[in-house]
Amino acid sequence: MKKFGLIGSSLKHSFSIKYFKNKFREEKILNSEYNNYELDKASDIRSLIKEEKDICGLNVTIPFKEQIIKYLDDSESIAHEIGSVNVINKENKKLIGYNTDYVAFMYSLKLWLPSLEFSSIVLGTGGSSKAIKYALKKMNIPYLSASRTPTSSQISYDELLRGDIIKNNKLIINTTPLGMFPKVNDHPSINYKFLTKEHYVYDLIYNPEITLFLKLSMDKGSRIKNGYDMLVKQAELSWKIWNK
């Protein structure tokens, strides 16, 4: 039995297990199963691999996308450059890290935006944000990176209370877990009153379908999108890596 799965610290929100179970059933893929593996810390991956010897590949979600890298045998060059891994493949008994988030995001964004003539704000600085920023660079979309503890190259959330930054950047992307089930009343602290119908607001979260972040943006006339399409694409790319 080939085993695949998702590792993270809390997987109640998981999209992957349902997606792959449906895929295995609909495509009549035999001798394969997909499970959630909740870990207390990233280093637990080594004991997981020893206990579950049939694991062939894993997806990685928050908060381990950055932390997991040092517990792998190697990473593809792009994942190493991004500094974030969301797919692990077992190759000749070695764990190799990949990043499919950036490709999936580019795919999703290009289908949605009317053009790439945007400047953007990326909310959050975790592993997912690194893939998003890498993708934006690839698409030549300039961005500001917002953090609760900003460095000299980042902006603070206090600055996002000002109107000029939001008015001048019409694409806003949330990469934080704020608003994810079950904490659906949370949302990033920006000044929503400056949003307009010219803004495009993207939330990587997909559960709930419309987060409070997206609802508050939609109420101002902004176009909104959740992360479902991106997740489907990265899942498809994961499957290709595991079966290459």
C-alpha atoms as a PDB file:
ATOM      1  CA  MET A   1       0.000   0.000   0.000  1.00  0.00           C
ATOM      2  CA  LYS A   2       1.423   3.365  -1.059  1.00  0.00           C
ATOM      3  CA  LYS A   3       0.790   6.026   1.536  1.00  0.00           C
ATOM      4  CA  PHE A   4       0.603   9.770   1.032  1.00  0.00           C
ATOM      5  CA  GLY A   5      -0.475  12.459   3.435  1.00  0.00           C
ATOM      6  CA  LEU A   6      -0.448  15.923   4.900  1.00  0.00           C
ATOM      7  CA  ILE A   7       1.696  17.057   7.815  1.00  0.00           C
ATOM      8  CA  GLY A   8       0.942  20.088   9.983  1.00  0.00           C
ATOM      9  CA  SER A   9       0.129  20.940  13.581  1.00  0.00           C
ATOM     10  CA  SER A  10      -3.644  21.285  13.182  1.00  0.00           C
ATOM     11  CA  LEU A  11      -5.387  19.715  10.215  1.00  0.00           C
ATOM     12  CA  LYS A  12      -9.082  20.191  10.941  1.00  0.00           C
ATOM     13  CA  HIS A  13      -9.229  22.595   7.998  1.00  0.00           C
ATOM     14  CA  SER A  14      -7.581  20.115   5.626  1.00  0.00           C
ATOM     15  CA  PHE A  15      -8.527  20.205   1.948  1.00  0.00           C
ATOM     16  CA  SER A  16      -6.010  17.600   0.817  1.00  0.00           C
ATOM     17  CA  ILE A  17      -7.408  14.443   2.387  1.00  0.00           C
ATOM     18  CA  LYS A  18     -10.824  14.911   0.781  1.00  0.00           C
ATOM     19  CA  TYR A  19      -9.299  15.847  -2.568  1.00  0.00           C
ATOM     20  CA  PHE A  20      -7.042  12.808  -2.778  1.00  0.00           C
ATOM     21  CA  LYS A  21      -9.607  10.330  -1.479  1.00  0.00           C
ATOM     22  CA  ASN A  22     -11.985  11.530  -4.204  1.00  0.00           C
ATOM     23  CA  LYS A  23      -9.196  11.360  -6.775  1.00  0.00           C
ATOM     24  CA  PHE A  24      -8.280   7.794  -5.837  1.00  0.00           C
ATOM     25  CA  ARG A  25     -11.916   6.705  -6.027  1.00  0.00           C
ATOM     26  CA  GLU A  26     -12.853   8.525  -9.248  1.00  0.00           C
ATOM     27  CA  GLU A  27      -9.683   7.567 -11.114  1.00  0.00           C
ATOM     28  CA  LYS A  28      -9.688   4.012  -9.694  1.00  0.00           C
ATOM     29  CA  ILE A  29      -6.191   4.423  -8.266  1.00  0.00           C
ATOM     30  CA  LEU A  30      -5.585   1.239  -6.295  1.00  0.00           C
ATOM     31  CA  ASN A  31      -3.251   0.433  -3.397  1.00  0.00           C
ATOM     32  CA  SER A  32      -2.957   4.087  -2.410  1.00  0.00           C
ATOM     33  CA  GLU A  33      -4.231   6.031   0.575  1.00  0.00           C
ATOM     34  CA  TYR A  34      -3.964   9.587   1.862  1.00  0.00           C
ATOM     35  CA  ASN A  35      -3.937  10.461   5.572  1.00  0.00           C
ATOM     36  CA  ASN A  36      -3.553  13.450   7.848  1.00  0.00           C
ATOM     37  CA  TYR A  37      -0.498  13.282  10.088  1.00  0.00           C
ATOM     38  CA  GLU A  38      -0.631  15.897  12.839  1.00  0.00           C
ATOM     39  CA  LEU A  39       2.842  16.584  14.247  1.00  0.00           C
ATOM     40  CA  ASP A  40       3.803  18.541  17.343  1.00  0.00           C
ATOM     41  CA  LYS A  41       7.006  19.793  15.745  1.00  0.00           C
ATOM     42  CA  ALA A  42       8.705  19.646  12.364  1.00  0.00           C
ATOM     43  CA  SER A  43      11.435  17.294  13.570  1.00  0.00           C
ATOM     44  CA  ASP A  44       8.772  14.622  14.197  1.00  0.00           C
ATOM     45  CA  ILE A  45       8.826  13.881  10.469  1.00  0.00           C
ATOM     46  CA  ARG A  46      11.770  11.549  11.004  1.00  0.00           C
ATOM     47  CA  SER A  47       9.934   9.376  13.524  1.00  0.00           C
ATOM     48  CA  LEU A  48       6.835   9.451  11.285  1.00  0.00           C
ATOM     49  CA  ILE A  49       8.820   8.093   8.332  1.00  0.00           C
ATOM     50  CA  LYS A  50      10.279   5.326  10.518  1.00  0.00           C
ATOM     51  CA  GLU A  51       6.851   4.318  11.816  1.00  0.00           C
ATOM     52  CA  GLU A  52       5.029   4.622   8.474  1.00  0.00           C
ATOM     53  CA  LYS A  53       7.475   2.900   6.144  1.00  0.00           C
ATOM     54  CA  ASP A  54       5.025   2.907   3.219  1.00  0.00           C
ATOM     55  CA  ILE A  55       4.874   6.712   3.004  1.00  0.00           C
ATOM     56  CA  CYS A  56       5.897   7.781  -0.500  1.00  0.00           C
ATOM     57  CA  GLY A  57       5.041  11.481  -0.417  1.00  0.00           C
ATOM     58  CA  LEU A  58       3.732  14.229   1.826  1.00  0.00           C
ATOM     59  CA  ASN A  59       2.191  17.670   1.581  1.00  0.00           C
ATOM     60  CA  VAL A  60       3.264  20.255   4.144  1.00  0.00           C
ATOM     61  CA  THR A  61       1.068  22.966   5.635  1.00  0.00           C
ATOM     62  CA  ILE A  62       1.399  25.587   8.369  1.00  0.00           C
ATOM     63  CA  PRO A  63       3.423  26.006  10.462  1.00  0.00           C
ATOM     64  CA  PHE A  64       6.085  23.667   9.022  1.00  0.00           C
ATOM     65  CA  LYS A  65       6.750  24.905   5.477  1.00  0.00           C
ATOM     66  CA  GLU A  66       9.963  26.667   6.519  1.00  0.00           C
ATOM     67  CA  GLN A  67      10.914  24.579   9.545  1.00  0.00           C
ATOM     68  CA  ILE A  68      10.770  21.256   7.694  1.00  0.00           C
ATOM     69  CA  ILE A  69      13.654  22.035   5.342  1.00  0.00           C
ATOM     70  CA  LYS A  70      16.448  21.222   7.802  1.00  0.00           C
ATOM     71  CA  TYR A  71      14.962  17.780   8.463  1.00  0.00           C
ATOM     72  CA  LEU A  72      15.014  16.786   4.782  1.00  0.00           C
ATOM     73  CA  ASP A  73      17.894  15.202   2.914  1.00  0.00           C
ATOM     74  CA  ASP A  74      17.713  17.773   0.132  1.00  0.00           C
ATOM     75  CA  SER A  75      15.456  20.295  -1.612  1.00  0.00           C
ATOM     76  CA  GLU A  76      15.035  21.269  -5.244  1.00  0.00           C
ATOM     77  CA  SER A  77      16.806  24.508  -6.125  1.00  0.00           C
ATOM     78  CA  ILE A  78      13.620  26.603  -6.354  1.00  0.00           C
ATOM     79  CA  ALA A  79      12.321  25.404  -2.969  1.00  0.00           C
ATOM     80  CA  HIS A  80      15.734  26.190  -1.517  1.00  0.00           C
ATOM     81  CA  GLU A  81      15.682  29.659  -3.068  1.00  0.00           C
ATOM     82  CA  ILE A  82      12.146  30.349  -1.819  1.00  0.00           C
ATOM     83  CA  GLY A  83      12.962  28.953   1.627  1.00  0.00           C
ATOM     84  CA  SER A  84       9.686  27.054   1.843  1.00  0.00           C
ATOM     85  CA  VAL A  85       8.595  23.468   1.097  1.00  0.00           C
ATOM     86  CA  ASN A  86       5.021  22.260   0.632  1.00  0.00           C
ATOM     87  CA  VAL A  87       5.711  18.891  -1.023  1.00  0.00           C
ATOM     88  CA  ILE A  88       8.036  16.082   0.081  1.00  0.00           C
ATOM     89  CA  ASN A  89       8.904  13.122  -2.124  1.00  0.00           C
ATOM     90  CA  LYS A  90      10.723   9.989  -1.008  1.00  0.00           C
ATOM     91  CA  GLU A  91      13.386   9.285  -3.604  1.00  0.00           C
ATOM     92  CA  ASN A  92      15.802   6.387  -3.074  1.00  0.00           C
ATOM     93  CA  LYS A  93      14.969   6.445   0.643  1.00  0.00           C
ATOM     94  CA  LYS A  94      15.779  10.170   0.835  1.00  0.00           C
ATOM     95  CA  LEU A  95      13.311  12.951   1.598  1.00  0.00           C
ATOM     96  CA  ILE A  96      13.422  15.667  -1.069  1.00  0.00           C
ATOM     97  CA  GLY A  97      11.546  18.959  -0.701  1.00  0.00           C
ATOM     98  CA  TYR A  98       9.672  20.824  -3.438  1.00  0.00           C
ATOM     99  CA  ASN A  99       7.591  23.970  -3.702  1.00  0.00           C
ATOM    100  CA  THR A 100       4.477  23.879  -5.895  1.00  0.00           C
ATOM    101  CA  ASP A 101       2.736  26.768  -4.132  1.00  0.00           C
ATOM    102  CA  TYR A 102       4.360  29.424  -6.306  1.00  0.00           C
ATOM    103  CA  VAL A 103       3.392  27.736  -9.599  1.00  0.00           C
ATOM    104  CA  ALA A 104      -0.169  27.131  -8.386  1.00  0.00           C
ATOM    105  CA  PHE A 105      -0.513  30.748  -7.279  1.00  0.00           C
ATOM    106  CA  MET A 106       0.768  32.063 -10.612  1.00  0.00           C
ATOM    107  CA  TYR A 107      -1.704  29.818 -12.443  1.00  0.00           C
ATOM    108  CA  SER A 108      -4.595  30.999 -10.260  1.00  0.00           C
ATOM    109  CA  LEU A 109      -3.697  34.696 -10.416  1.00  0.00           C
ATOM    110  CA  LYS A 110      -3.249  34.789 -14.185  1.00  0.00           C
ATOM    111  CA  LEU A 111      -6.701  33.278 -14.676  1.00  0.00           C
ATOM    112  CA  TRP A 112      -8.273  35.848 -12.373  1.00  0.00           C
ATOM    113  CA  LEU A 113      -6.638  39.229 -12.966  1.00  0.00           C
ATOM    114  CA  PRO A 114      -7.581  41.241 -16.050  1.00  0.00           C
ATOM    115  CA  SER A 115      -3.865  42.023 -16.535  1.00  0.00           C
ATOM    116  CA  LEU A 116      -0.622  41.874 -14.572  1.00  0.00           C
ATOM    117  CA  GLU A 117      -0.362  45.668 -14.420  1.00  0.00           C
ATOM    118  CA  PHE A 118      -0.754  45.763 -10.646  1.00  0.00           C
ATOM    119  CA  SER A 119       1.245  46.621  -7.579  1.00  0.00           C
ATOM    120  CA  SER A 120       0.467  44.596  -4.487  1.00  0.00           C
ATOM    121  CA  ILE A 121       0.539  44.134  -0.729  1.00  0.00           C
ATOM    122  CA  VAL A 122       1.367  40.733   0.749  1.00  0.00           C
ATOM    123  CA  LEU A 123      -0.012  40.225   4.255  1.00  0.00           C
ATOM    124  CA  GLY A 124       2.137  37.879   6.317  1.00  0.00           C
ATOM    125  CA  THR A 125       5.729  36.673   6.296  1.00  0.00           C
ATOM    126  CA  GLY A 126       5.421  32.890   6.824  1.00  0.00           C
ATOM    127  CA  GLY A 127       6.276  30.026   4.480  1.00  0.00           C
ATOM    128  CA  SER A 128       3.287  30.603   2.206  1.00  0.00           C
ATOM    129  CA  SER A 129       4.162  34.276   1.795  1.00  0.00           C
ATOM    130  CA  LYS A 130       7.640  33.359   0.537  1.00  0.00           C
ATOM    131  CA  ALA A 131       6.176  31.341  -2.326  1.00  0.00           C
ATOM    132  CA  ILE A 132       3.712  34.129  -3.135  1.00  0.00           C
ATOM    133  CA  LYS A 133       6.435  36.760  -3.236  1.00  0.00           C
ATOM    134  CA  TYR A 134       8.582  34.535  -5.436  1.00  0.00           C
ATOM    135  CA  ALA A 135       5.630  34.169  -7.834  1.00  0.00           C
ATOM    136  CA  LEU A 136       4.988  37.927  -7.874  1.00  0.00           C
ATOM    137  CA  LYS A 137       8.632  38.531  -8.778  1.00  0.00           C
ATOM    138  CA  LYS A 138       8.314  36.036 -11.617  1.00  0.00           C
ATOM    139  CA  MET A 139       5.273  37.959 -12.895  1.00  0.00           C
ATOM    140  CA  ASN A 140       6.960  41.346 -12.429  1.00  0.00           C
ATOM    141  CA  ILE A 141       4.300  42.471  -9.963  1.00  0.00           C
ATOM    142  CA  PRO A 142       5.881  44.753  -7.340  1.00  0.00           C
ATOM    143  CA  TYR A 143       4.822  44.184  -3.752  1.00  0.00           C
ATOM    144  CA  LEU A 144       5.017  45.528  -0.231  1.00  0.00           C
ATOM    145  CA  SER A 145       5.404  42.931   2.508  1.00  0.00           C
ATOM    146  CA  ALA A 146       3.415  43.564   5.709  1.00  0.00           C
ATOM    147  CA  SER A 147       4.512  42.105   9.040  1.00  0.00           C
ATOM    148  CA  ARG A 148       3.563  42.410  12.704  1.00  0.00           C
ATOM    149  CA  THR A 149       7.299  42.756  13.418  1.00  0.00           C
ATOM    150  CA  PRO A 150       8.592  44.503  10.297  1.00  0.00           C
ATOM    151  CA  THR A 151      12.204  44.644   9.203  1.00  0.00           C
ATOM    152  CA  SER A 152      13.626  47.587   7.292  1.00  0.00           C
ATOM    153  CA  SER A 153      12.336  46.095   4.020  1.00  0.00           C
ATOM    154  CA  GLN A 154       8.786  45.524   5.299  1.00  0.00           C
ATOM    155  CA  ILE A 155       5.855  47.646   6.378  1.00  0.00           C
ATOM    156  CA  SER A 156       3.854  47.393   9.599  1.00  0.00           C
ATOM    157  CA  TYR A 157       0.140  46.815   9.947  1.00  0.00           C
ATOM    158  CA  ASP A 158      -0.081  50.278  11.520  1.00  0.00           C
ATOM    159  CA  GLU A 159       1.027  51.686   8.174  1.00  0.00           C
ATOM    160  CA  LEU A 160      -1.828  49.794   6.511  1.00  0.00           C
ATOM    161  CA  LEU A 161      -4.265  51.908   8.490  1.00  0.00           C
ATOM    162  CA  ARG A 162      -3.198  54.790   6.254  1.00  0.00           C
ATOM    163  CA  GLY A 163      -5.141  55.268   3.062  1.00  0.00           C
ATOM    164  CA  ASP A 164      -2.292  55.995   0.647  1.00  0.00           C
ATOM    165  CA  ILE A 165      -0.728  52.522   0.754  1.00  0.00           C
ATOM    166  CA  ILE A 166      -4.013  50.731   0.105  1.00  0.00           C
ATOM    167  CA  LYS A 167      -5.094  53.250  -2.550  1.00  0.00           C
ATOM    168  CA  ASN A 168      -1.802  52.834  -4.421  1.00  0.00           C
ATOM    169  CA  ASN A 169      -1.733  49.023  -4.386  1.00  0.00           C
ATOM    170  CA  LYS A 170      -4.789  47.462  -5.969  1.00  0.00           C
ATOM    171  CA  LEU A 171      -3.878  43.795  -5.366  1.00  0.00           C
ATOM    172  CA  ILE A 172      -3.950  42.623  -1.729  1.00  0.00           C
ATOM    173  CA  ILE A 173      -3.041  39.055  -0.798  1.00  0.00           C
ATOM    174  CA  ASN A 174      -3.555  37.466   2.606  1.00  0.00           C
ATOM    175  CA  THR A 175      -1.066  34.670   3.341  1.00  0.00           C
ATOM    176  CA  THR A 176      -1.744  34.558   7.082  1.00  0.00           C
ATOM    177  CA  PRO A 177      -4.049  31.980   8.763  1.00  0.00           C
ATOM    178  CA  LEU A 178      -6.258  34.764  10.161  1.00  0.00           C
ATOM    179  CA  GLY A 179      -9.900  33.850   9.519  1.00  0.00           C
ATOM    180  CA  MET A 180      -9.296  30.160   8.875  1.00  0.00           C
ATOM    181  CA  PHE A 181     -11.788  27.701  10.348  1.00  0.00           C
ATOM    182  CA  PRO A 182     -12.512  27.475  13.240  1.00  0.00           C
ATOM    183  CA  LYS A 183     -11.370  31.060  14.039  1.00  0.00           C
ATOM    184  CA  VAL A 184     -13.666  32.568  11.431  1.00  0.00           C
ATOM    185  CA  ASN A 185     -14.085  35.924  13.210  1.00  0.00           C
ATOM    186  CA  ASP A 186     -10.416  36.845  12.791  1.00  0.00           C
ATOM    187  CA  HIS A 187      -9.165  39.001   9.936  1.00  0.00           C
ATOM    188  CA  PRO A 188      -6.029  40.975   8.998  1.00  0.00           C
ATOM    189  CA  SER A 189      -5.910  44.484  10.452  1.00  0.00           C
ATOM    190  CA  ILE A 190      -6.006  46.766   7.446  1.00  0.00           C
ATOM    191  CA  ASN A 191      -8.162  49.829   6.866  1.00  0.00           C
ATOM    192  CA  TYR A 192     -10.968  48.360   4.773  1.00  0.00           C
ATOM    193  CA  LYS A 193     -12.645  51.709   4.198  1.00  0.00           C
ATOM    194  CA  PHE A 194     -10.004  52.554   1.595  1.00  0.00           C
ATOM    195  CA  LEU A 195     -10.820  49.529  -0.548  1.00  0.00           C
ATOM    196  CA  THR A 196     -12.680  50.183  -3.799  1.00  0.00           C
ATOM    197  CA  LYS A 197     -14.166  48.362  -6.781  1.00  0.00           C
ATOM    198  CA  GLU A 198     -10.729  48.695  -8.405  1.00  0.00           C
ATOM    199  CA  HIS A 199      -9.145  46.430  -5.784  1.00  0.00           C
ATOM    200  CA  TYR A 200      -8.548  42.706  -6.205  1.00  0.00           C
ATOM    201  CA  VAL A 201      -8.370  40.897  -2.855  1.00  0.00           C
ATOM    202  CA  TYR A 202      -7.022  37.353  -2.654  1.00  0.00           C
ATOM    203  CA  ASP A 203      -7.108  35.121   0.431  1.00  0.00           C
ATOM    204  CA  LEU A 204      -5.061  31.903   0.404  1.00  0.00           C
ATOM    205  CA  ILE A 205      -7.585  30.486   2.902  1.00  0.00           C
ATOM    206  CA  TYR A 206     -10.389  28.374   1.397  1.00  0.00           C
ATOM    207  CA  ASN A 207     -12.244  27.302   4.566  1.00  0.00           C
ATOM    208  CA  PRO A 208     -14.532  29.167   5.004  1.00  0.00           C
ATOM    209  CA  GLU A 209     -15.176  29.894   1.351  1.00  0.00           C
ATOM    210  CA  ILE A 210     -15.614  33.586   2.111  1.00  0.00           C
ATOM    211  CA  THR A 211     -13.476  34.670   5.053  1.00  0.00           C
ATOM    212  CA  LEU A 212     -14.265  37.796   7.025  1.00  0.00           C
ATOM    213  CA  PHE A 213     -11.311  39.409   5.217  1.00  0.00           C
ATOM    214  CA  LEU A 214     -12.986  38.700   1.875  1.00  0.00           C
ATOM    215  CA  LYS A 215     -16.444  39.713   3.096  1.00  0.00           C
ATOM    216  CA  LEU A 216     -15.233  43.079   4.394  1.00  0.00           C
ATOM    217  CA  SER A 217     -13.462  43.634   1.073  1.00  0.00           C
ATOM    218  CA  MET A 218     -16.490  42.574  -0.971  1.00  0.00           C
ATOM    219  CA  ASP A 219     -18.662  44.995   1.011  1.00  0.00           C
ATOM    220  CA  LYS A 220     -16.486  47.791  -0.396  1.00  0.00           C
ATOM    221  CA  GLY A 221     -17.014  46.570  -3.949  1.00  0.00           C
ATOM    222  CA  SER A 222     -13.652  44.843  -4.296  1.00  0.00           C
ATOM    223  CA  ARG A 223     -13.294  41.710  -6.384  1.00  0.00           C
ATOM    224  CA  ILE A 224     -12.445  38.729  -4.198  1.00  0.00           C
ATOM    225  CA  LYS A 225     -10.933  35.263  -4.580  1.00  0.00           C
ATOM    226  CA  ASN A 226     -10.125  32.466  -2.152  1.00  0.00           C
ATOM    227  CA  GLY A 227      -7.337  29.893  -2.365  1.00  0.00           C
ATOM    228  CA  TYR A 228      -9.324  26.914  -3.639  1.00  0.00           C
ATOM    229  CA  ASP A 229      -8.057  26.992  -7.242  1.00  0.00           C
ATOM    230  CA  MET A 230      -4.502  27.338  -6.014  1.00  0.00           C
ATOM    231  CA  LEU A 231      -4.919  24.346  -3.698  1.00  0.00           C
ATOM    232  CA  VAL A 232      -6.317  22.141  -6.457  1.00  0.00           C
ATOM    233  CA  LYS A 233      -3.419  23.066  -8.751  1.00  0.00           C
ATOM    234  CA  GLN A 234      -0.749  22.434  -6.120  1.00  0.00           C
ATOM    235  CA  ALA A 235      -2.375  19.076  -5.300  1.00  0.00           C
ATOM    236  CA  GLU A 236      -2.198  18.090  -8.983  1.00  0.00           C
ATOM    237  CA  LEU A 237       1.445  19.136  -9.101  1.00  0.00           C
ATOM    238  CA  SER A 238       2.151  17.156  -5.919  1.00  0.00           C
ATOM    239  CA  TRP A 239       0.741  14.013  -7.519  1.00  0.00           C
ATOM    240  CA  LYS A 240       2.992  14.480 -10.557  1.00  0.00           C
ATOM    241  CA  ILE A 241       6.051  14.786  -8.313  1.00  0.00           C
ATOM    242  CA  TRP A 242       5.141  11.652  -6.359  1.00  0.00           C
ATOM    243  CA  ASN A 243       4.701   9.687  -9.579  1.00  0.00           C
ATOM    244  CA  LYS A 244       7.563  10.996 -11.669  1.00  0.00           C
END
